[in-house]
């Protein structure tokens, strides 16, 4: 971090991933908040010339508002480490692990955290036969924001036909009925738990469209489930080696009690848009959006 009272902050946004538009919104929101906090802010649409642009701009801190592959999977983090630029959120290894859903599950299991049974399969295998008995979920093993998620219902006549932009390797996961929850970790503490209601699956549209979902925060849950979400989110954050800010998503089958609570994934770059979950949780805990962005800048470093 710079010794200057108000460092120059480069906000990285956009980029080449499937989540580009969400990242642009996140970046604009964070840039506006940081300006109100008194920072000099430079908005940077992260392209293949990013290293050159940062060399020219010479920011004191990089605020990483990228989502999806390259920006959230350790790629840009490695570049920033190489350039010696302090940056927000998680470092190279934690980012890479959390973006890879299969390796995330391996880490969860080692930490004693409950996960949904799943298998990796090729796209061709998934389209040829049911890899698991329906109902099950098919999703990319290395994307976020529910990009490319298919739910194969119990009554399905056959396996799904996947879109052309799905990767060659996908994750096939048992479908867990019930409720969707999430919990955010900020530094060394969990903020609170949100219960998410949407019509059908909590997909990309439900996450980012105004009115796409309804959030109950703090969640109205049995105390043991609420406490378990807080505990599991912090343990996931620590087991993966996350830094700064992360959000862990859960699925809960109410009929099974605590045995029906499962971790789905940990997001090392939670969305920060008007409909995003983590800023909403921070607000409920008395942390304004501007204060949250300032905290992330103050937390920035290399060697993360």
C-alpha atoms as a PDB file:
ATOM      1  CA  UNK A   1       0.000   0.000   0.000  1.00  0.00           C
ATOM      2  CA  UNK A   2       1.097   3.548  -0.710  1.00  0.00           C
ATOM      3  CA  UNK A   3       1.931   5.852   2.207  1.00  0.00           C
ATOM      4  CA  UNK A   4      -0.208   8.569   0.595  1.00  0.00           C
ATOM      5  CA  UNK A   5      -3.372   9.495   2.479  1.00  0.00           C
ATOM      6  CA  UNK A   6      -5.535   8.718  -0.533  1.00  0.00           C
ATOM      7  CA  UNK A   7      -3.821   6.300  -2.924  1.00  0.00           C
ATOM      8  CA  UNK A   8      -4.558   6.278  -6.639  1.00  0.00           C
ATOM      9  CA  UNK A   9      -6.791   3.251  -7.228  1.00  0.00           C
ATOM     10  CA  UNK A  10      -7.106   1.452 -10.572  1.00  0.00           C
ATOM     11  CA  UNK A  11     -10.436  -0.397 -10.707  1.00  0.00           C
ATOM     12  CA  UNK A  12     -10.171  -3.395 -13.035  1.00  0.00           C
ATOM     13  CA  UNK A  13     -13.479  -4.262 -14.708  1.00  0.00           C
ATOM     14  CA  UNK A  14     -14.943  -5.890 -17.794  1.00  0.00           C
ATOM     15  CA  UNK A  15     -12.379  -8.308 -19.159  1.00  0.00           C
ATOM     16  CA  UNK A  16     -12.943 -11.205 -21.570  1.00  0.00           C
ATOM     17  CA  UNK A  17     -14.981 -13.621 -19.416  1.00  0.00           C
ATOM     18  CA  UNK A  18     -18.614 -14.708 -19.724  1.00  0.00           C
ATOM     19  CA  UNK A  19     -19.344 -12.375 -16.782  1.00  0.00           C
ATOM     20  CA  UNK A  20     -18.038  -9.231 -18.505  1.00  0.00           C
ATOM     21  CA  UNK A  21     -21.267  -7.205 -18.234  1.00  0.00           C
ATOM     22  CA  UNK A  22     -21.682  -7.931 -14.519  1.00  0.00           C
ATOM     23  CA  UNK A  23     -18.047  -6.964 -13.956  1.00  0.00           C
ATOM     24  CA  UNK A  24     -18.568  -3.646 -15.737  1.00  0.00           C
ATOM     25  CA  UNK A  25     -21.490  -2.885 -13.424  1.00  0.00           C
ATOM     26  CA  UNK A  26     -19.511  -3.955 -10.341  1.00  0.00           C
ATOM     27  CA  UNK A  27     -16.574  -1.827 -11.442  1.00  0.00           C
ATOM     28  CA  UNK A  28     -18.637   1.306 -12.039  1.00  0.00           C
ATOM     29  CA  UNK A  29     -20.404   0.967  -8.682  1.00  0.00           C
ATOM     30  CA  UNK A  30     -17.128   0.475  -6.812  1.00  0.00           C
ATOM     31  CA  UNK A  31     -15.362   3.288  -8.684  1.00  0.00           C
ATOM     32  CA  UNK A  32     -18.173   5.718  -7.849  1.00  0.00           C
ATOM     33  CA  UNK A  33     -18.104   4.693  -4.181  1.00  0.00           C
ATOM     34  CA  UNK A  34     -14.324   5.059  -3.951  1.00  0.00           C
ATOM     35  CA  UNK A  35     -14.469   8.542  -5.483  1.00  0.00           C
ATOM     36  CA  UNK A  36     -17.003   9.525  -2.837  1.00  0.00           C
ATOM     37  CA  UNK A  37     -14.550   8.175  -0.245  1.00  0.00           C
ATOM     38  CA  UNK A  38     -11.945  10.609  -1.570  1.00  0.00           C
ATOM     39  CA  UNK A  39      -9.777   8.382  -3.722  1.00  0.00           C
ATOM     40  CA  UNK A  40      -8.436   9.249  -7.135  1.00  0.00           C
ATOM     41  CA  UNK A  41      -9.889   6.441  -9.265  1.00  0.00           C
ATOM     42  CA  UNK A  42      -8.965   5.209 -12.738  1.00  0.00           C
ATOM     43  CA  UNK A  43     -11.395   2.796 -14.393  1.00  0.00           C
ATOM     44  CA  UNK A  44      -9.609   0.159 -16.480  1.00  0.00           C
ATOM     45  CA  UNK A  45     -11.377  -2.221 -18.876  1.00  0.00           C
ATOM     46  CA  UNK A  46      -8.995  -5.158 -18.558  1.00  0.00           C
ATOM     47  CA  UNK A  47      -7.857  -6.316 -21.993  1.00  0.00           C
ATOM     48  CA  UNK A  48      -4.774  -8.169 -23.227  1.00  0.00           C
ATOM     49  CA  UNK A  49      -2.766  -4.956 -22.906  1.00  0.00           C
ATOM     50  CA  UNK A  50      -3.425  -4.745 -19.164  1.00  0.00           C
ATOM     51  CA  UNK A  51       0.228  -5.018 -18.117  1.00  0.00           C
ATOM     52  CA  UNK A  52       1.184  -2.142 -20.432  1.00  0.00           C
ATOM     53  CA  UNK A  53      -1.704   0.040 -19.245  1.00  0.00           C
ATOM     54  CA  UNK A  54      -0.895  -0.520 -15.573  1.00  0.00           C
ATOM     55  CA  UNK A  55       2.787   0.209 -16.240  1.00  0.00           C
ATOM     56  CA  UNK A  56       1.749   3.536 -17.740  1.00  0.00           C
ATOM     57  CA  UNK A  57      -0.852   4.398 -15.078  1.00  0.00           C
ATOM     58  CA  UNK A  58       1.303   3.432 -12.083  1.00  0.00           C
ATOM     59  CA  UNK A  59      -1.564   3.102  -9.567  1.00  0.00           C
ATOM     60  CA  UNK A  60      -0.873   2.667  -5.867  1.00  0.00           C
ATOM     61  CA  UNK A  61      -3.554   0.001  -5.500  1.00  0.00           C
ATOM     62  CA  UNK A  62      -5.516  -2.225  -7.887  1.00  0.00           C
ATOM     63  CA  UNK A  63      -9.165  -2.860  -6.986  1.00  0.00           C
ATOM     64  CA  UNK A  64     -10.062  -6.125  -8.705  1.00  0.00           C
ATOM     65  CA  UNK A  65     -13.701  -5.881  -9.841  1.00  0.00           C
ATOM     66  CA  UNK A  66     -13.332  -8.630 -12.468  1.00  0.00           C
ATOM     67  CA  UNK A  67     -15.564 -11.704 -12.435  1.00  0.00           C
ATOM     68  CA  UNK A  68     -15.147 -15.089 -14.080  1.00  0.00           C
ATOM     69  CA  UNK A  69     -12.172 -16.666 -15.786  1.00  0.00           C
ATOM     70  CA  UNK A  70      -8.863 -14.820 -16.036  1.00  0.00           C
ATOM     71  CA  UNK A  71      -9.902 -12.113 -13.581  1.00  0.00           C
ATOM     72  CA  UNK A  72     -11.068 -14.426 -10.806  1.00  0.00           C
ATOM     73  CA  UNK A  73      -9.064 -17.609 -11.395  1.00  0.00           C
ATOM     74  CA  UNK A  74      -5.552 -16.524 -10.440  1.00  0.00           C
ATOM     75  CA  UNK A  75      -4.575 -15.179 -13.875  1.00  0.00           C
ATOM     76  CA  UNK A  76      -4.707 -11.445 -13.222  1.00  0.00           C
ATOM     77  CA  UNK A  77      -3.582 -12.026  -9.629  1.00  0.00           C
ATOM     78  CA  UNK A  78      -0.343 -13.561 -10.942  1.00  0.00           C
ATOM     79  CA  UNK A  79       0.188 -10.564 -13.206  1.00  0.00           C
ATOM     80  CA  UNK A  80      -0.301  -8.135 -10.325  1.00  0.00           C
ATOM     81  CA  UNK A  81       2.080 -10.115  -8.109  1.00  0.00           C
ATOM     82  CA  UNK A  82       4.693 -10.043 -10.886  1.00  0.00           C
ATOM     83  CA  UNK A  83       4.283  -6.277 -11.259  1.00  0.00           C
ATOM     84  CA  UNK A  84       4.402  -5.693  -7.497  1.00  0.00           C
ATOM     85  CA  UNK A  85       1.033  -3.915  -7.430  1.00  0.00           C
ATOM     86  CA  UNK A  86      -1.004  -4.309  -4.210  1.00  0.00           C
ATOM     87  CA  UNK A  87      -4.472  -5.667  -5.026  1.00  0.00           C
ATOM     88  CA  UNK A  88      -7.753  -6.558  -3.351  1.00  0.00           C
ATOM     89  CA  UNK A  89      -9.438  -9.906  -2.710  1.00  0.00           C
ATOM     90  CA  UNK A  90      -7.746 -13.314  -2.830  1.00  0.00           C
ATOM     91  CA  UNK A  91      -4.337 -14.240  -4.194  1.00  0.00           C
ATOM     92  CA  UNK A  92      -3.215 -16.577  -6.961  1.00  0.00           C
ATOM     93  CA  UNK A  93      -3.679 -19.985  -5.333  1.00  0.00           C
ATOM     94  CA  UNK A  94      -6.963 -19.327  -3.499  1.00  0.00           C
ATOM     95  CA  UNK A  95      -8.455 -17.743  -6.638  1.00  0.00           C
ATOM     96  CA  UNK A  96      -7.440 -20.691  -8.808  1.00  0.00           C
ATOM     97  CA  UNK A  97      -8.732 -23.261  -6.319  1.00  0.00           C
ATOM     98  CA  UNK A  98     -12.075 -21.556  -5.719  1.00  0.00           C
ATOM     99  CA  UNK A  99     -12.777 -21.158  -9.458  1.00  0.00           C
ATOM    100  CA  UNK A 100     -12.209 -24.898 -10.011  1.00  0.00           C
ATOM    101  CA  UNK A 101     -15.317 -26.476  -8.493  1.00  0.00           C
ATOM    102  CA  UNK A 102     -13.822 -29.981  -8.337  1.00  0.00           C
ATOM    103  CA  UNK A 103     -10.697 -28.855  -6.477  1.00  0.00           C
ATOM    104  CA  UNK A 104     -12.835 -26.674  -4.221  1.00  0.00           C
ATOM    105  CA  UNK A 105     -14.757 -29.771  -3.187  1.00  0.00           C
ATOM    106  CA  UNK A 106     -11.535 -31.635  -2.450  1.00  0.00           C
ATOM    107  CA  UNK A 107     -10.481 -28.811  -0.119  1.00  0.00           C
ATOM    108  CA  UNK A 108     -13.932 -28.729   1.502  1.00  0.00           C
ATOM    109  CA  UNK A 109     -13.821 -32.468   2.180  1.00  0.00           C
ATOM    110  CA  UNK A 110     -10.344 -32.210   3.704  1.00  0.00           C
ATOM    111  CA  UNK A 111     -11.701 -29.493   6.015  1.00  0.00           C
ATOM    112  CA  UNK A 112     -14.654 -31.682   7.031  1.00  0.00           C
ATOM    113  CA  UNK A 113     -17.216 -29.549   5.205  1.00  0.00           C
ATOM    114  CA  UNK A 114     -20.313 -31.189   3.624  1.00  0.00           C
ATOM    115  CA  UNK A 115     -20.544 -31.235  -0.174  1.00  0.00           C
ATOM    116  CA  UNK A 116     -22.977 -32.605  -2.761  1.00  0.00           C
ATOM    117  CA  UNK A 117     -21.814 -35.791  -4.549  1.00  0.00           C
ATOM    118  CA  UNK A 118     -20.679 -35.042  -8.096  1.00  0.00           C
ATOM    119  CA  UNK A 119     -18.643 -36.295 -11.042  1.00  0.00           C
ATOM    120  CA  UNK A 120     -16.647 -34.694 -13.819  1.00  0.00           C
ATOM    121  CA  UNK A 121     -17.602 -35.823 -17.311  1.00  0.00           C
ATOM    122  CA  UNK A 122     -17.047 -34.762 -20.877  1.00  0.00           C
ATOM    123  CA  UNK A 123     -19.718 -32.822 -22.684  1.00  0.00           C
ATOM    124  CA  UNK A 124     -20.157 -35.755 -25.076  1.00  0.00           C
ATOM    125  CA  UNK A 125     -20.700 -38.208 -22.191  1.00  0.00           C
ATOM    126  CA  UNK A 126     -23.303 -35.959 -20.577  1.00  0.00           C
ATOM    127  CA  UNK A 127     -25.254 -35.655 -23.833  1.00  0.00           C
ATOM    128  CA  UNK A 128     -25.077 -39.415 -24.471  1.00  0.00           C
ATOM    129  CA  UNK A 129     -26.463 -40.746 -21.167  1.00  0.00           C
ATOM    130  CA  UNK A 130     -27.510 -39.861 -17.645  1.00  0.00           C
ATOM    131  CA  UNK A 131     -24.247 -39.652 -15.678  1.00  0.00           C
ATOM    132  CA  UNK A 132     -26.256 -39.609 -12.428  1.00  0.00           C
ATOM    133  CA  UNK A 133     -29.852 -40.648 -11.787  1.00  0.00           C
ATOM    134  CA  UNK A 134     -32.132 -37.619 -12.312  1.00  0.00           C
ATOM    135  CA  UNK A 135     -32.645 -35.085 -10.859  1.00  0.00           C
ATOM    136  CA  UNK A 136     -29.150 -33.670 -11.236  1.00  0.00           C
ATOM    137  CA  UNK A 137     -27.364 -30.453 -12.182  1.00  0.00           C
ATOM    138  CA  UNK A 138     -24.862 -29.913 -15.002  1.00  0.00           C
ATOM    139  CA  UNK A 139     -22.552 -26.898 -14.854  1.00  0.00           C
ATOM    140  CA  UNK A 140     -19.095 -25.757 -15.968  1.00  0.00           C
ATOM    141  CA  UNK A 141     -16.500 -26.682 -13.393  1.00  0.00           C
ATOM    142  CA  UNK A 142     -14.723 -23.328 -13.740  1.00  0.00           C
ATOM    143  CA  UNK A 143     -17.278 -20.515 -14.151  1.00  0.00           C
ATOM    144  CA  UNK A 144     -19.324 -18.454 -11.690  1.00  0.00           C
ATOM    145  CA  UNK A 145     -22.630 -16.550 -11.523  1.00  0.00           C
ATOM    146  CA  UNK A 146     -24.586 -19.703 -12.451  1.00  0.00           C
ATOM    147  CA  UNK A 147     -23.306 -19.379 -16.027  1.00  0.00           C
ATOM    148  CA  UNK A 148     -24.293 -22.446 -18.052  1.00  0.00           C
ATOM    149  CA  UNK A 149     -26.293 -24.334 -15.385  1.00  0.00           C
ATOM    150  CA  UNK A 150     -28.705 -27.081 -16.488  1.00  0.00           C
ATOM    151  CA  UNK A 151     -31.149 -28.886 -14.189  1.00  0.00           C
ATOM    152  CA  UNK A 152     -32.174 -32.317 -15.442  1.00  0.00           C
ATOM    153  CA  UNK A 153     -35.498 -33.119 -13.797  1.00  0.00           C
ATOM    154  CA  UNK A 154     -36.586 -36.537 -12.594  1.00  0.00           C
ATOM    155  CA  UNK A 155     -39.144 -36.748 -15.399  1.00  0.00           C
ATOM    156  CA  UNK A 156     -36.572 -35.987 -18.116  1.00  0.00           C
ATOM    157  CA  UNK A 157     -36.882 -38.262 -21.139  1.00  0.00           C
ATOM    158  CA  UNK A 158     -33.179 -38.183 -21.815  1.00  0.00           C
ATOM    159  CA  UNK A 159     -29.891 -36.418 -21.104  1.00  0.00           C
ATOM    160  CA  UNK A 160     -29.574 -32.668 -21.772  1.00  0.00           C
ATOM    161  CA  UNK A 161     -28.343 -31.042 -24.951  1.00  0.00           C
ATOM    162  CA  UNK A 162     -25.671 -28.567 -23.873  1.00  0.00           C
ATOM    163  CA  UNK A 163     -24.965 -25.263 -25.573  1.00  0.00           C
ATOM    164  CA  UNK A 164     -21.930 -24.879 -27.793  1.00  0.00           C
ATOM    165  CA  UNK A 165     -20.193 -22.545 -25.357  1.00  0.00           C
ATOM    166  CA  UNK A 166     -20.138 -25.143 -22.563  1.00  0.00           C
ATOM    167  CA  UNK A 167     -16.599 -26.427 -21.900  1.00  0.00           C
ATOM    168  CA  UNK A 168     -15.513 -29.915 -22.907  1.00  0.00           C
ATOM    169  CA  UNK A 169     -15.435 -30.959 -19.236  1.00  0.00           C
ATOM    170  CA  UNK A 170     -18.409 -30.262 -16.967  1.00  0.00           C
ATOM    171  CA  UNK A 171     -19.517 -31.105 -13.442  1.00  0.00           C
ATOM    172  CA  UNK A 172     -22.547 -33.333 -12.916  1.00  0.00           C
ATOM    173  CA  UNK A 173     -23.916 -32.898  -9.411  1.00  0.00           C
ATOM    174  CA  UNK A 174     -26.773 -34.403  -7.423  1.00  0.00           C
ATOM    175  CA  UNK A 175     -29.701 -31.986  -7.187  1.00  0.00           C
ATOM    176  CA  UNK A 176     -30.489 -30.934  -3.620  1.00  0.00           C
ATOM    177  CA  UNK A 177     -34.082 -29.749  -3.141  1.00  0.00           C
ATOM    178  CA  UNK A 178     -34.861 -26.945  -0.746  1.00  0.00           C
ATOM    179  CA  UNK A 179     -33.494 -23.502  -0.001  1.00  0.00           C
ATOM    180  CA  UNK A 180     -30.578 -21.456  -1.268  1.00  0.00           C
ATOM    181  CA  UNK A 181     -28.508 -19.491   1.261  1.00  0.00           C
ATOM    182  CA  UNK A 182     -25.265 -17.561   1.244  1.00  0.00           C
ATOM    183  CA  UNK A 183     -22.857 -16.118   3.812  1.00  0.00           C
ATOM    184  CA  UNK A 184     -20.112 -13.512   3.375  1.00  0.00           C
ATOM    185  CA  UNK A 185     -16.726 -13.466   5.078  1.00  0.00           C
ATOM    186  CA  UNK A 186     -15.007 -10.110   5.571  1.00  0.00           C
ATOM    187  CA  UNK A 187     -11.491 -10.464   6.919  1.00  0.00           C
ATOM    188  CA  UNK A 188     -11.659 -12.875   9.836  1.00  0.00           C
ATOM    189  CA  UNK A 189     -15.406 -12.840  10.486  1.00  0.00           C
ATOM    190  CA  UNK A 190     -18.618 -13.909   8.801  1.00  0.00           C
ATOM    191  CA  UNK A 191     -21.155 -11.123   8.329  1.00  0.00           C
ATOM    192  CA  UNK A 192     -24.555 -12.838   8.235  1.00  0.00           C
ATOM    193  CA  UNK A 193     -26.688 -15.272   6.217  1.00  0.00           C
ATOM    194  CA  UNK A 194     -29.083 -14.466   3.370  1.00  0.00           C
ATOM    195  CA  UNK A 195     -32.014 -16.672   2.364  1.00  0.00           C
ATOM    196  CA  UNK A 196     -32.605 -16.370  -1.402  1.00  0.00           C
ATOM    197  CA  UNK A 197     -36.018 -16.816  -2.998  1.00  0.00           C
ATOM    198  CA  UNK A 198     -36.514 -16.923  -6.765  1.00  0.00           C
ATOM    199  CA  UNK A 199     -38.937 -18.450  -9.241  1.00  0.00           C
ATOM    200  CA  UNK A 200     -37.122 -21.654 -10.087  1.00  0.00           C
ATOM    201  CA  UNK A 201     -33.338 -21.968 -10.032  1.00  0.00           C
ATOM    202  CA  UNK A 202     -31.227 -19.058  -8.758  1.00  0.00           C
ATOM    203  CA  UNK A 203     -29.666 -18.550 -12.198  1.00  0.00           C
ATOM    204  CA  UNK A 204     -27.801 -15.699 -13.882  1.00  0.00           C
ATOM    205  CA  UNK A 205     -31.017 -13.747 -14.518  1.00  0.00           C
ATOM    206  CA  UNK A 206     -32.253 -14.197 -10.964  1.00  0.00           C
ATOM    207  CA  UNK A 207     -28.899 -12.993  -9.617  1.00  0.00           C
ATOM    208  CA  UNK A 208     -28.541  -9.823 -11.647  1.00  0.00           C
ATOM    209  CA  UNK A 209     -31.930  -8.700 -12.963  1.00  0.00           C
ATOM    210  CA  UNK A 210     -33.863  -6.202 -10.838  1.00  0.00           C
ATOM    211  CA  UNK A 211     -36.629  -8.195  -9.156  1.00  0.00           C
ATOM    212  CA  UNK A 212     -35.074 -11.498 -10.254  1.00  0.00           C
ATOM    213  CA  UNK A 213     -34.905 -12.729  -6.675  1.00  0.00           C
ATOM    214  CA  UNK A 214     -35.937 -11.786  -3.149  1.00  0.00           C
ATOM    215  CA  UNK A 215     -33.410 -11.720  -0.329  1.00  0.00           C
ATOM    216  CA  UNK A 216     -34.235 -12.230   3.347  1.00  0.00           C
ATOM    217  CA  UNK A 217     -31.326 -10.952   5.407  1.00  0.00           C
ATOM    218  CA  UNK A 218     -30.642 -11.949   8.085  1.00  0.00           C
ATOM    219  CA  UNK A 219     -32.135 -15.276   7.012  1.00  0.00           C
ATOM    220  CA  UNK A 220     -35.079 -16.657   8.959  1.00  0.00           C
ATOM    221  CA  UNK A 221     -33.573 -20.058   9.769  1.00  0.00           C
ATOM    222  CA  UNK A 222     -33.361 -22.456  12.686  1.00  0.00           C
ATOM    223  CA  UNK A 223     -30.472 -21.284  14.869  1.00  0.00           C
ATOM    224  CA  UNK A 224     -28.374 -24.413  14.269  1.00  0.00           C
ATOM    225  CA  UNK A 225     -28.609 -23.965  10.478  1.00  0.00           C
ATOM    226  CA  UNK A 226     -27.846 -20.239  10.696  1.00  0.00           C
ATOM    227  CA  UNK A 227     -24.830 -20.876  12.923  1.00  0.00           C
ATOM    228  CA  UNK A 228     -23.609 -23.706  10.693  1.00  0.00           C
ATOM    229  CA  UNK A 229     -23.694 -21.429   7.633  1.00  0.00           C
ATOM    230  CA  UNK A 230     -21.578 -18.838   9.469  1.00  0.00           C
ATOM    231  CA  UNK A 231     -19.135 -21.486  10.660  1.00  0.00           C
ATOM    232  CA  UNK A 232     -18.878 -23.311   7.327  1.00  0.00           C
ATOM    233  CA  UNK A 233     -18.362 -20.085   5.354  1.00  0.00           C
ATOM    234  CA  UNK A 234     -15.459 -19.001   7.558  1.00  0.00           C
ATOM    235  CA  UNK A 235     -13.901 -22.467   7.477  1.00  0.00           C
ATOM    236  CA  UNK A 236     -14.228 -22.575   3.685  1.00  0.00           C
ATOM    237  CA  UNK A 237     -12.610 -19.124   3.395  1.00  0.00           C
ATOM    238  CA  UNK A 238      -9.718 -20.236   5.572  1.00  0.00           C
ATOM    239  CA  UNK A 239      -9.288 -23.697   4.023  1.00  0.00           C
ATOM    240  CA  UNK A 240      -9.042 -22.244   0.511  1.00  0.00           C
ATOM    241  CA  UNK A 241      -6.670 -19.526   1.714  1.00  0.00           C
ATOM    242  CA  UNK A 242      -8.968 -16.653   0.712  1.00  0.00           C
ATOM    243  CA  UNK A 243      -8.155 -13.077   1.623  1.00  0.00           C
ATOM    244  CA  UNK A 244     -10.274  -9.985   2.097  1.00  0.00           C
ATOM    245  CA  UNK A 245     -13.791 -10.775   1.021  1.00  0.00           C
ATOM    246  CA  UNK A 246     -15.500 -14.024  -0.025  1.00  0.00           C
ATOM    247  CA  UNK A 247     -19.002 -15.451  -0.219  1.00  0.00           C
ATOM    248  CA  UNK A 248     -19.961 -19.112   0.181  1.00  0.00           C
ATOM    249  CA  UNK A 249     -23.220 -20.485  -1.218  1.00  0.00           C
ATOM    250  CA  UNK A 250     -25.304 -23.252   0.332  1.00  0.00           C
ATOM    251  CA  UNK A 251     -28.202 -25.536  -0.485  1.00  0.00           C
ATOM    252  CA  UNK A 252     -30.390 -26.797   2.342  1.00  0.00           C
ATOM    253  CA  UNK A 253     -32.871 -29.668   2.265  1.00  0.00           C
ATOM    254  CA  UNK A 254     -35.069 -28.752   5.216  1.00  0.00           C
ATOM    255  CA  UNK A 255     -36.436 -32.294   5.575  1.00  0.00           C
ATOM    256  CA  UNK A 256     -32.969 -33.555   6.534  1.00  0.00           C
ATOM    257  CA  UNK A 257     -32.107 -30.926   9.120  1.00  0.00           C
ATOM    258  CA  UNK A 258     -28.408 -30.171   9.546  1.00  0.00           C
ATOM    259  CA  UNK A 259     -27.560 -33.263   7.470  1.00  0.00           C
ATOM    260  CA  UNK A 260     -29.263 -31.568   4.518  1.00  0.00           C
ATOM    261  CA  UNK A 261     -26.951 -28.500   4.485  1.00  0.00           C
ATOM    262  CA  UNK A 262     -24.301 -28.534   1.741  1.00  0.00           C
ATOM    263  CA  UNK A 263     -21.696 -26.092   0.459  1.00  0.00           C
ATOM    264  CA  UNK A 264     -21.925 -25.384  -3.266  1.00  0.00           C
ATOM    265  CA  UNK A 265     -19.005 -23.025  -3.918  1.00  0.00           C
ATOM    266  CA  UNK A 266     -16.978 -20.102  -2.602  1.00  0.00           C
ATOM    267  CA  UNK A 267     -16.815 -16.869  -4.585  1.00  0.00           C
ATOM    268  CA  UNK A 268     -13.535 -14.996  -4.127  1.00  0.00           C
ATOM    269  CA  UNK A 269     -14.851 -11.943  -6.042  1.00  0.00           C
ATOM    270  CA  UNK A 270     -18.476 -11.542  -4.897  1.00  0.00           C
ATOM    271  CA  UNK A 271     -20.582  -9.298  -7.102  1.00  0.00           C
ATOM    272  CA  UNK A 272     -20.969  -5.693  -6.032  1.00  0.00           C
ATOM    273  CA  UNK A 273     -23.941  -4.508  -8.066  1.00  0.00           C
ATOM    274  CA  UNK A 274     -27.232  -2.963  -6.874  1.00  0.00           C
ATOM    275  CA  UNK A 275     -28.730  -6.477  -6.523  1.00  0.00           C
ATOM    276  CA  UNK A 276     -25.640  -8.191  -5.081  1.00  0.00           C
ATOM    277  CA  UNK A 277     -25.750 -10.214  -1.904  1.00  0.00           C
ATOM    278  CA  UNK A 278     -22.519  -9.351  -0.093  1.00  0.00           C
ATOM    279  CA  UNK A 279     -22.917  -5.533  -0.042  1.00  0.00           C
ATOM    280  CA  UNK A 280     -26.479  -6.096   1.173  1.00  0.00           C
ATOM    281  CA  UNK A 281     -25.159  -8.214   4.042  1.00  0.00           C
ATOM    282  CA  UNK A 282     -22.555  -5.584   4.900  1.00  0.00           C
ATOM    283  CA  UNK A 283     -25.261  -2.885   4.971  1.00  0.00           C
ATOM    284  CA  UNK A 284     -27.346  -4.959   7.388  1.00  0.00           C
ATOM    285  CA  UNK A 285     -24.258  -5.245   9.610  1.00  0.00           C
ATOM    286  CA  UNK A 286     -23.828  -1.453   9.600  1.00  0.00           C
ATOM    287  CA  UNK A 287     -21.114  -1.240   6.924  1.00  0.00           C
ATOM    288  CA  UNK A 288     -21.989   1.141   4.100  1.00  0.00           C
ATOM    289  CA  UNK A 289     -21.070   0.378   0.493  1.00  0.00           C
ATOM    290  CA  UNK A 290     -18.445   3.129   0.527  1.00  0.00           C
ATOM    291  CA  UNK A 291     -16.952   1.863   3.784  1.00  0.00           C
ATOM    292  CA  UNK A 292     -16.828  -1.647   2.347  1.00  0.00           C
ATOM    293  CA  UNK A 293     -14.961  -0.478  -0.768  1.00  0.00           C
ATOM    294  CA  UNK A 294     -12.577   1.564   1.383  1.00  0.00           C
ATOM    295  CA  UNK A 295     -11.921  -1.476   3.600  1.00  0.00           C
ATOM    296  CA  UNK A 296     -11.033  -3.556   0.544  1.00  0.00           C
ATOM    297  CA  UNK A 297      -8.553  -0.910  -0.630  1.00  0.00           C
ATOM    298  CA  UNK A 298      -6.996  -0.665   2.835  1.00  0.00           C
ATOM    299  CA  UNK A 299      -6.725  -4.467   2.965  1.00  0.00           C
ATOM    300  CA  UNK A 300      -4.925  -4.645  -0.427  1.00  0.00           C
ATOM    301  CA  UNK A 301      -1.426  -6.118  -0.632  1.00  0.00           C
ATOM    302  CA  UNK A 302       0.906  -8.335  -2.620  1.00  0.00           C
ATOM    303  CA  UNK A 303       1.854 -11.858  -1.488  1.00  0.00           C
ATOM    304  CA  UNK A 304      -1.794 -12.743  -0.905  1.00  0.00           C
END
